[in-house]
Amino acid sequence: MKNFAGIESQFTQLEDANIILQSIPYDGTSTWGKGADKGIDAFLDAAENMELYDIETDSEVYREGIHMPEEWSNFNSPEEMFKSTYLGAKRLLDLNKFLTFFGGEHSISIGVIKAHYEHYNNLSVLQIDAHADLRSEYEGTKYNHACAVFDASKHCNLVQVGIRSMDVSEKEHMDFYNVYFAHEMYGKWDWMESSIGRLTENVYITLDLDALDPSIMPATGTPEPGGLTWPVITNYLSMVFEQRNVVGFDIVELAPIEGIKSPQFLAAKLYYKMLSYKFSNNGK
């Protein structure tokens, strides 16, 4: 069984842990850069070399307990992946833990989000991403990474932040009132409060690492110039966790680059930051 950050076994047992970290190393529909299925191992390796005291929140959130179940993998088709992740997430929700998921490509979020919007009333999905991911179908399946939030857009309140790449066909599925395009965010801060104001009380976050600028996160399948920086993403997430009840989140699309370790360290640090915001005195 895998273990986050090498923490002591007393903090990894299911019965005592408040946090679930479910790995889904799936990379079945990515269309350019491959390797997202290798992301979890790189992420865990980096986490073992990360300090577990968070200065900003003055906390050691690992003491809440972080349990990693067996990974969900070896799917024969996108349809099988969707069904397995959907049913698996439903089972995890019954445990009454704080659920987190690490991909894998972004298609792993489709079933997970569906389980969450069926479980929570009036759920908002906050998508932090370079891409709109609103295609109804792509390359013969509606469970493609390019379709990651199409289903969510039809069943819950979807707020999209950092978008800077999309196909014209996605415009018909986009609620422009809830979309924050990257070129409109540069050098500004008001979008943070504005976007949070469009979220309902319960929020699920799906965070594609290509939302970040390739200068700090080159290890994704489809890096896009002009993304978010570390101070911006962490300040924004801190505000989201403080002002809304985040019920779970996923981080996807880490595709490690041989010989470059900083991207996976960033991913590990970002994951830990999000937990710290959730469980610190500032979080709800």
Protein backbone atom coordinates (compact mmCIF):
# COMPACT_ATOMS: atom_id res chain seq x y z
CA MET A 1 0.00 0.00 0.00
CA LYS A 2 1.31 3.45 -0.96
CA ASN A 3 1.83 6.13 1.63
CA PHE A 4 1.73 9.93 1.35
CA ALA A 5 4.92 11.74 2.34
CA GLY A 6 6.25 8.78 4.33
CA ILE A 7 4.09 9.70 7.32
CA GLU A 8 3.95 7.31 10.26
CA SER A 9 1.52 4.43 10.06
CA GLN A 10 -0.57 5.85 12.89
CA PHE A 11 -1.62 8.61 10.48
CA THR A 12 -2.40 6.34 7.51
CA GLN A 13 -5.03 3.94 8.88
CA LEU A 14 -8.48 4.19 7.31
CA GLU A 15 -10.42 4.09 10.57
CA ASP A 16 -8.55 7.05 12.05
CA ALA A 17 -7.78 9.16 8.98
CA ASN A 18 -9.94 12.18 8.13
CA ILE A 19 -8.53 12.41 4.59
CA ILE A 20 -8.64 9.96 1.70
CA LEU A 21 -6.10 10.26 -1.12
CA GLN A 22 -7.31 8.11 -4.01
CA SER A 23 -4.89 7.65 -6.90
CA ILE A 24 -6.27 7.10 -10.42
CA PRO A 25 -3.26 6.65 -12.75
CA TYR A 26 -5.25 6.63 -15.99
CA ASP A 27 -3.96 8.05 -19.27
CA GLY A 28 -6.22 6.43 -21.85
CA THR A 29 -7.50 9.39 -23.88
CA SER A 30 -4.73 12.00 -23.79
CA THR A 31 -4.09 13.31 -27.29
CA TRP A 32 -0.64 14.88 -27.19
CA GLY A 33 1.79 14.52 -24.32
CA LYS A 34 1.54 11.18 -22.54
CA GLY A 35 2.62 10.23 -19.04
CA ALA A 36 -0.17 11.33 -16.68
CA ASP A 37 -0.42 7.74 -15.47
CA LYS A 38 3.10 8.19 -14.04
CA GLY A 39 2.10 11.33 -12.14
CA ILE A 40 1.14 9.71 -8.84
CA ASP A 41 4.48 7.98 -8.33
CA ALA A 42 6.40 11.18 -9.07
CA PHE A 43 4.05 13.10 -6.78
CA LEU A 44 4.55 10.65 -3.91
CA ASP A 45 8.33 10.66 -4.37
CA ALA A 46 8.37 14.45 -4.16
CA ALA A 47 6.08 14.45 -1.12
CA GLU A 48 8.57 12.31 0.79
CA ASN A 49 11.06 15.16 0.43
CA MET A 50 8.68 17.92 1.51
CA GLU A 51 8.56 19.59 4.91
CA LEU A 52 5.29 18.72 6.63
CA TYR A 53 4.98 21.90 8.68
CA ASP A 54 3.11 24.59 6.75
CA ILE A 55 4.32 28.06 7.70
CA GLU A 56 1.35 29.96 6.29
CA THR A 57 -1.29 28.08 8.30
CA ASP A 58 1.00 27.18 11.24
CA SER A 59 -0.16 23.59 10.96
CA GLU A 60 0.86 19.98 10.32
CA VAL A 61 -2.19 18.77 8.47
CA TYR A 62 -0.89 15.22 8.03
CA ARG A 63 -1.89 14.70 11.68
CA GLU A 64 -5.50 14.65 10.46
CA GLY A 65 -4.57 11.31 8.91
CA ILE A 66 -4.18 10.62 5.19
CA HIS A 67 -5.21 7.17 4.00
CA MET A 68 -4.39 5.91 0.51
CA PRO A 69 -6.63 3.04 -0.70
CA GLU A 70 -5.50 0.74 -3.49
CA GLU A 71 -5.23 2.66 -6.76
CA TRP A 72 -7.97 2.52 -9.37
CA SER A 73 -6.32 1.42 -12.59
CA ASN A 74 -6.15 -1.09 -15.46
CA PHE A 75 -9.30 0.07 -17.21
CA ASN A 76 -10.00 -1.42 -20.65
CA SER A 77 -11.91 1.57 -22.01
CA PRO A 78 -12.92 5.15 -21.14
CA GLU A 79 -16.41 3.85 -20.42
CA GLU A 80 -15.08 1.32 -17.91
CA MET A 81 -12.93 4.01 -16.32
CA PHE A 82 -15.95 6.28 -15.90
CA LYS A 83 -18.14 3.58 -14.38
CA SER A 84 -15.44 2.41 -11.98
CA THR A 85 -14.48 5.89 -10.77
CA TYR A 86 -18.12 6.92 -10.40
CA LEU A 87 -19.06 3.87 -8.32
CA GLY A 88 -15.79 4.03 -6.40
CA ALA A 89 -16.33 7.66 -5.47
CA LYS A 90 -19.88 6.88 -4.32
CA ARG A 91 -18.50 4.21 -1.98
CA LEU A 92 -15.86 6.57 -0.63
CA LEU A 93 -18.46 9.27 0.03
CA ASP A 94 -20.22 6.85 2.37
CA LEU A 95 -17.11 6.86 4.60
CA ASN A 96 -17.73 10.48 5.62
CA LYS A 97 -14.11 11.47 5.03
CA PHE A 98 -12.60 14.41 3.14
CA LEU A 99 -12.01 12.98 -0.33
CA THR A 100 -9.11 13.92 -2.58
CA PHE A 101 -8.14 12.37 -5.91
CA PHE A 102 -4.92 12.43 -7.90
CA GLY A 103 -4.77 11.56 -11.61
CA GLY A 104 -4.20 10.61 -14.23
CA GLU A 105 -5.61 12.68 -16.97
CA HIS A 106 -8.60 14.96 -16.52
CA SER A 107 -11.18 12.42 -17.67
CA ILE A 108 -10.92 10.76 -14.24
CA SER A 109 -12.86 13.72 -12.83
CA ILE A 110 -16.08 13.01 -14.76
CA GLY A 111 -17.30 10.11 -12.63
CA VAL A 112 -15.92 11.56 -9.42
CA ILE A 113 -17.75 14.85 -9.94
CA LYS A 114 -20.98 13.03 -10.81
CA ALA A 115 -20.81 11.10 -7.53
CA HIS A 116 -20.31 14.37 -5.66
CA TYR A 117 -23.13 16.35 -7.27
CA GLU A 118 -25.48 13.46 -6.56
CA HIS A 119 -24.33 13.38 -2.94
CA TYR A 120 -24.38 17.10 -2.12
CA ASN A 121 -27.30 19.44 -2.65
CA ASN A 122 -26.70 22.51 -4.81
CA LEU A 123 -23.03 21.71 -5.45
CA SER A 124 -20.72 24.06 -7.33
CA VAL A 125 -17.76 22.76 -9.30
CA LEU A 126 -14.78 25.10 -9.43
CA GLN A 127 -12.64 24.19 -12.43
CA ILE A 128 -9.16 25.72 -12.43
CA ASP A 129 -7.77 24.89 -15.85
CA ALA A 130 -6.17 26.17 -19.05
CA HIS A 131 -8.79 24.38 -21.17
CA ALA A 132 -12.57 24.65 -21.24
CA ASP A 133 -13.02 20.84 -21.44
CA LEU A 134 -16.63 21.29 -22.54
CA ARG A 135 -16.78 19.02 -25.56
CA SER A 136 -19.80 16.73 -25.40
CA GLU A 137 -17.76 13.99 -27.08
CA TYR A 138 -14.24 13.68 -28.46
CA GLU A 139 -12.58 10.93 -30.46
CA GLY A 140 -15.57 8.64 -30.11
CA THR A 141 -16.24 8.89 -26.38
CA LYS A 142 -17.87 11.31 -23.96
CA TYR A 143 -15.35 10.22 -21.32
CA ASN A 144 -12.38 11.90 -23.00
CA HIS A 145 -10.15 14.37 -21.15
CA ALA A 146 -11.53 17.08 -23.46
CA CYS A 147 -14.99 16.38 -21.99
CA ALA A 148 -13.94 16.62 -18.34
CA VAL A 149 -16.60 19.09 -17.16
CA PHE A 150 -19.28 18.79 -19.85
CA ASP A 151 -21.48 16.63 -17.63
CA ALA A 152 -20.90 18.93 -14.66
CA SER A 153 -21.96 21.92 -16.74
CA LYS A 154 -25.36 20.31 -17.30
CA HIS A 155 -26.03 19.20 -13.72
CA CYS A 156 -24.50 21.73 -11.34
CA ASN A 157 -23.12 25.23 -11.02
CA LEU A 158 -19.80 25.26 -12.89
CA VAL A 159 -17.34 28.13 -12.43
CA GLN A 160 -14.30 28.08 -14.74
CA VAL A 161 -11.10 29.95 -13.86
CA GLY A 162 -7.95 30.47 -15.91
CA ILE A 163 -9.33 29.35 -19.28
CA ARG A 164 -7.09 30.24 -22.21
CA SER A 165 -7.64 27.48 -24.78
CA MET A 166 -10.85 26.08 -26.29
CA ASP A 167 -12.58 25.00 -29.46
CA VAL A 168 -15.29 27.24 -30.90
CA SER A 169 -17.81 24.41 -30.55
CA GLU A 170 -17.50 24.63 -26.76
CA LYS A 171 -19.02 28.12 -26.68
CA GLU A 172 -22.55 26.71 -26.90
CA HIS A 173 -22.03 24.82 -23.63
CA MET A 174 -20.32 27.67 -21.79
CA ASP A 175 -21.97 29.92 -19.22
CA PHE A 176 -19.91 33.02 -19.91
CA TYR A 177 -21.13 34.68 -16.70
CA ASN A 178 -19.24 31.97 -14.78
CA VAL A 179 -16.07 31.93 -16.91
CA TYR A 180 -12.87 33.79 -16.01
CA PHE A 181 -10.59 33.88 -19.03
CA ALA A 182 -6.88 34.18 -18.37
CA HIS A 183 -6.40 37.25 -20.55
CA GLU A 184 -9.01 39.09 -18.47
CA MET A 185 -7.31 38.13 -15.19
CA TYR A 186 -3.75 39.31 -15.85
CA GLY A 187 -2.56 41.90 -13.33
CA LYS A 188 -5.94 41.99 -11.57
CA TRP A 189 -7.30 40.65 -8.28
CA ASP A 190 -11.01 41.40 -8.40
CA TRP A 191 -11.71 38.15 -10.27
CA MET A 192 -10.96 36.23 -7.09
CA GLU A 193 -13.82 37.63 -5.01
CA SER A 194 -16.04 37.77 -8.07
CA SER A 195 -15.60 34.09 -8.92
CA ILE A 196 -16.02 32.99 -5.30
CA GLY A 197 -19.23 34.99 -5.20
CA ARG A 198 -20.61 32.80 -7.95
CA LEU A 199 -20.02 29.60 -6.00
CA THR A 200 -22.69 28.02 -3.82
CA GLU A 201 -21.80 27.02 -0.25
CA ASN A 202 -20.63 23.47 -1.11
CA VAL A 203 -17.79 23.36 -3.62
CA TYR A 204 -15.83 20.61 -5.36
CA ILE A 205 -12.54 21.73 -6.93
CA THR A 206 -11.10 20.09 -10.02
CA LEU A 207 -7.61 21.44 -10.64
CA ASP A 208 -5.79 20.70 -13.87
CA LEU A 209 -2.12 21.52 -13.39
CA ASP A 210 -1.96 23.10 -16.84
CA ALA A 211 -3.83 26.02 -15.25
CA LEU A 212 -0.38 27.00 -13.99
CA ASP A 213 2.11 28.71 -16.25
CA PRO A 214 4.53 26.33 -18.02
CA SER A 215 7.42 28.30 -16.53
CA ILE A 216 6.59 26.65 -13.19
CA MET A 217 4.59 23.64 -14.43
CA PRO A 218 5.91 22.31 -17.75
CA ALA A 219 5.04 18.68 -16.91
CA THR A 220 1.54 18.43 -18.36
CA GLY A 221 0.15 16.84 -21.50
CA THR A 222 -0.89 20.16 -23.06
CA PRO A 223 0.98 23.11 -21.49
CA GLU A 224 -0.43 26.52 -22.40
CA PRO A 225 1.44 29.83 -22.04
CA GLY A 226 0.01 32.54 -19.84
CA GLY A 227 -1.05 30.56 -16.77
CA LEU A 228 -1.32 31.22 -13.07
CA THR A 229 1.71 31.69 -10.84
CA TRP A 230 2.30 30.14 -7.41
CA PRO A 231 1.40 33.25 -5.35
CA VAL A 232 -1.79 33.74 -7.35
CA ILE A 233 -3.06 30.15 -7.14
CA THR A 234 -2.28 29.76 -3.45
CA ASN A 235 -3.81 33.11 -2.51
CA TYR A 236 -6.93 32.27 -4.49
CA LEU A 237 -7.30 28.77 -3.03
CA SER A 238 -6.84 30.12 0.48
CA MET A 239 -9.77 32.47 -0.12
CA VAL A 240 -11.95 29.71 -1.59
CA PHE A 241 -11.37 27.41 1.39
CA GLU A 242 -11.97 30.23 3.84
CA GLN A 243 -15.21 31.43 2.28
CA ARG A 244 -16.80 28.18 1.08
CA ASN A 245 -17.23 24.60 2.26
CA VAL A 246 -14.92 22.65 -0.01
CA VAL A 247 -16.22 19.08 0.07
CA GLY A 248 -13.42 17.48 -1.98
CA PHE A 249 -10.98 18.05 -4.80
CA ASP A 250 -8.88 16.43 -7.48
CA ILE A 251 -5.52 17.32 -9.04
CA VAL A 252 -4.86 16.00 -12.52
CA GLU A 253 -2.53 15.98 -15.53
CA LEU A 254 0.90 15.73 -13.93
CA ALA A 255 3.03 14.11 -16.65
CA PRO A 256 6.59 13.89 -15.25
CA ILE A 257 9.57 14.96 -17.35
CA GLU A 258 12.67 12.85 -16.86
CA GLY A 259 15.40 14.75 -15.07
CA ILE A 260 13.14 17.62 -13.91
CA LYS A 261 11.75 17.21 -10.39
CA SER A 262 10.36 20.66 -9.64
CA PRO A 263 6.92 20.08 -11.23
CA GLN A 264 6.11 17.08 -9.05
CA PHE A 265 7.38 18.92 -5.99
CA LEU A 266 5.05 21.79 -6.85
CA ALA A 267 2.15 19.34 -7.22
CA ALA A 268 2.91 17.77 -3.84
CA LYS A 269 3.22 21.17 -2.19
CA LEU A 270 -0.02 22.37 -3.79
CA TYR A 271 -1.90 19.27 -2.61
CA TYR A 272 -0.60 19.75 0.91
CA LYS A 273 -1.45 23.46 0.82
CA MET A 274 -5.02 22.66 -0.12
CA LEU A 275 -5.32 20.26 2.80
CA SER A 276 -3.76 22.84 5.10
CA TYR A 277 -6.30 25.45 4.01
CA LYS A 278 -9.15 22.98 4.55
CA PHE A 279 -8.18 21.90 8.05
CA SER A 280 -6.57 25.06 9.42
CA ASN A 281 -8.52 27.51 11.56
CA ASN A 282 -9.08 29.58 8.43
CA GLY A 283 -10.87 26.76 6.61
CA LYS A 284 -14.56 25.96 6.94
